[in-house]
C-alpha atoms as a PDB file:
ATOM      1  CA  MET A   1       0.000   0.000   0.000  1.00  0.00           C
ATOM      2  CA  GLY A   2       1.340   3.396  -0.940  1.00  0.00           C
ATOM      3  CA  TRP A   3       0.226   6.991  -0.690  1.00  0.00           C
ATOM      4  CA  ASP A   4      -1.548   6.732  -4.045  1.00  0.00           C
ATOM      5  CA  ASP A   5      -3.853   4.063  -2.606  1.00  0.00           C
ATOM      6  CA  LEU A   6      -5.089   6.598  -0.053  1.00  0.00           C
ATOM      7  CA  ASP A   7      -6.213   9.075  -2.706  1.00  0.00           C
ATOM      8  CA  GLU A   8      -9.304   6.939  -3.324  1.00  0.00           C
ATOM      9  CA  VAL A   9     -10.355   6.773   0.349  1.00  0.00           C
ATOM     10  CA  LYS A  10     -13.439   8.832   1.201  1.00  0.00           C
ATOM     11  CA  LEU A  11     -12.865  10.883   4.339  1.00  0.00           C
ATOM     12  CA  PRO A  12     -15.444  12.630   6.503  1.00  0.00           C
ATOM     13  CA  PRO A  13     -15.652  16.400   5.963  1.00  0.00           C
ATOM     14  CA  ALA A  14     -13.049  18.408   7.884  1.00  0.00           C
ATOM     15  CA  ASP A  15     -15.744  19.733  10.252  1.00  0.00           C
ATOM     16  CA  ALA A  16     -17.043  16.220  11.102  1.00  0.00           C
ATOM     17  CA  VAL A  17     -15.035  15.852  14.302  1.00  0.00           C
ATOM     18  CA  ASP A  18     -17.284  13.112  15.727  1.00  0.00           C
ATOM     19  CA  LEU A  19     -16.876  10.962  12.612  1.00  0.00           C
ATOM     20  CA  THR A  20     -13.098  11.403  12.618  1.00  0.00           C
ATOM     21  CA  ASP A  21     -12.950  10.569  16.332  1.00  0.00           C
ATOM     22  CA  LYS A  22     -14.945   7.407  15.592  1.00  0.00           C
ATOM     23  CA  LEU A  23     -12.504   6.442  12.824  1.00  0.00           C
ATOM     24  CA  PHE A  24      -9.616   6.653  15.305  1.00  0.00           C
ATOM     25  CA  ALA A  25     -11.502   4.601  17.900  1.00  0.00           C
ATOM     26  CA  ASP A  26     -12.646   1.976  15.384  1.00  0.00           C
ATOM     27  CA  ALA A  27      -9.103   1.515  14.074  1.00  0.00           C
ATOM     28  CA  LEU A  28      -7.147   1.739  17.315  1.00  0.00           C
ATOM     29  CA  MET A  29      -9.404   0.028  19.851  1.00  0.00           C
ATOM     30  CA  THR A  30      -8.906  -3.355  18.174  1.00  0.00           C
ATOM     31  CA  PRO A  31      -6.350  -5.756  19.690  1.00  0.00           C
ATOM     32  CA  ALA A  32      -3.843  -4.789  16.966  1.00  0.00           C
ATOM     33  CA  GLY A  33      -4.605  -1.087  17.432  1.00  0.00           C
ATOM     34  CA  LYS A  34      -4.046  -1.322  21.192  1.00  0.00           C
ATOM     35  CA  ARG A  35      -0.674  -2.968  20.563  1.00  0.00           C
ATOM     36  CA  LEU A  36       0.207  -0.143  18.182  1.00  0.00           C
ATOM     37  CA  LEU A  37      -0.806   2.462  20.780  1.00  0.00           C
ATOM     38  CA  ALA A  38       1.356   0.693  23.378  1.00  0.00           C
ATOM     39  CA  TYR A  39       4.267   0.748  20.921  1.00  0.00           C
ATOM     40  CA  TRP A  40       3.743   4.475  20.217  1.00  0.00           C
ATOM     41  CA  LYS A  41       3.609   5.190  23.955  1.00  0.00           C
ATOM     42  CA  ARG A  42       6.864   3.340  24.610  1.00  0.00           C
ATOM     43  CA  THR A  43       8.607   4.713  21.512  1.00  0.00           C
ATOM     44  CA  TYR A  44       7.470   8.338  21.673  1.00  0.00           C
ATOM     45  CA  LEU A  45       5.604   9.450  24.798  1.00  0.00           C
ATOM     46  CA  ASP A  46       7.812   7.668  27.334  1.00  0.00           C
ATOM     47  CA  LYS A  47      11.003   9.296  26.014  1.00  0.00           C
ATOM     48  CA  PRO A  48      12.154  12.819  26.856  1.00  0.00           C
ATOM     49  CA  VAL A  49      11.368  15.505  24.316  1.00  0.00           C
ATOM     50  CA  CYS A  50      14.638  17.322  24.861  1.00  0.00           C
ATOM     51  CA  GLU A  51      17.926  15.578  25.453  1.00  0.00           C
ATOM     52  CA  VAL A  52      21.154  17.143  26.684  1.00  0.00           C
ATOM     53  CA  GLY A  53      23.204  18.368  23.771  1.00  0.00           C
ATOM     54  CA  ALA A  54      20.414  18.097  21.211  1.00  0.00           C
ATOM     55  CA  GLY A  55      19.465  21.267  19.370  1.00  0.00           C
ATOM     56  CA  SER A  56      16.090  22.918  19.606  1.00  0.00           C
ATOM     57  CA  ASP A  57      15.114  21.424  16.253  1.00  0.00           C
ATOM     58  CA  ALA A  58      15.337  17.952  17.785  1.00  0.00           C
ATOM     59  CA  GLY A  59      12.963  19.029  20.568  1.00  0.00           C
ATOM     60  CA  PHE A  60      10.469  20.443  18.083  1.00  0.00           C
ATOM     61  CA  HIS A  61      10.667  17.235  16.051  1.00  0.00           C
ATOM     62  CA  ARG A  62      10.084  15.068  19.137  1.00  0.00           C
ATOM     63  CA  GLU A  63       7.187  17.229  20.262  1.00  0.00           C
ATOM     64  CA  GLY A  64       5.613  16.785  16.814  1.00  0.00           C
ATOM     65  CA  GLN A  65       5.876  13.013  17.176  1.00  0.00           C
ATOM     66  CA  ASN A  66       4.221  13.187  20.587  1.00  0.00           C
ATOM     67  CA  TYR A  67       1.463  15.444  19.260  1.00  0.00           C
ATOM     68  CA  ILE A  68       0.298  12.787  16.805  1.00  0.00           C
ATOM     69  CA  VAL A  69       0.089  10.119  19.526  1.00  0.00           C
ATOM     70  CA  ARG A  70      -1.733  12.498  21.908  1.00  0.00           C
ATOM     71  CA  GLU A  71      -4.189  13.418  19.134  1.00  0.00           C
ATOM     72  CA  ALA A  72      -5.006   9.736  18.612  1.00  0.00           C
ATOM     73  CA  LEU A  73      -5.509   9.189  22.358  1.00  0.00           C
ATOM     74  CA  ASN A  74      -7.677  12.314  22.706  1.00  0.00           C
ATOM     75  CA  ARG A  75      -9.838  11.354  19.723  1.00  0.00           C
ATOM     76  CA  ILE A  76     -10.329   7.839  21.099  1.00  0.00           C
ATOM     77  CA  ALA A  77     -11.290   9.277  24.482  1.00  0.00           C
ATOM     78  CA  ARG A  78     -13.853  11.621  22.884  1.00  0.00           C
ATOM     79  CA  ALA A  79     -15.305   8.823  20.754  1.00  0.00           C
ATOM     80  CA  THR A  80     -15.631   6.396  23.646  1.00  0.00           C
ATOM     81  CA  THR A  81     -16.908   8.793  26.315  1.00  0.00           C
ATOM     82  CA  PRO A  82     -20.695   9.185  26.364  1.00  0.00           C
ATOM     83  CA  LYS A  83     -21.842  12.713  25.512  1.00  0.00           C
ATOM     84  CA  GLY A  84     -22.342  14.779  28.643  1.00  0.00           C
ATOM     85  CA  ALA A  85     -20.046  12.564  30.747  1.00  0.00           C
ATOM     86  CA  LYS A  86     -16.836  14.011  32.109  1.00  0.00           C
END
């Protein structure tokens, strides 16, 4: 599968946050998806963003990696939390 294969995929409209959240939950709450989330946590979130001697660019890069994982976790949480519950 390459990037060209994704051009044919129908996505929800950009303003359909609930549908996009559901896509994340449907894909990542499977047994394989949970293993992938655990891998992302260990590989990205559990490591420091800034390391001694690394330039600021490295910190920005690491923070970008973490952002993607946090977005997935936040979208799953929104999709799996009943409306009105906190």
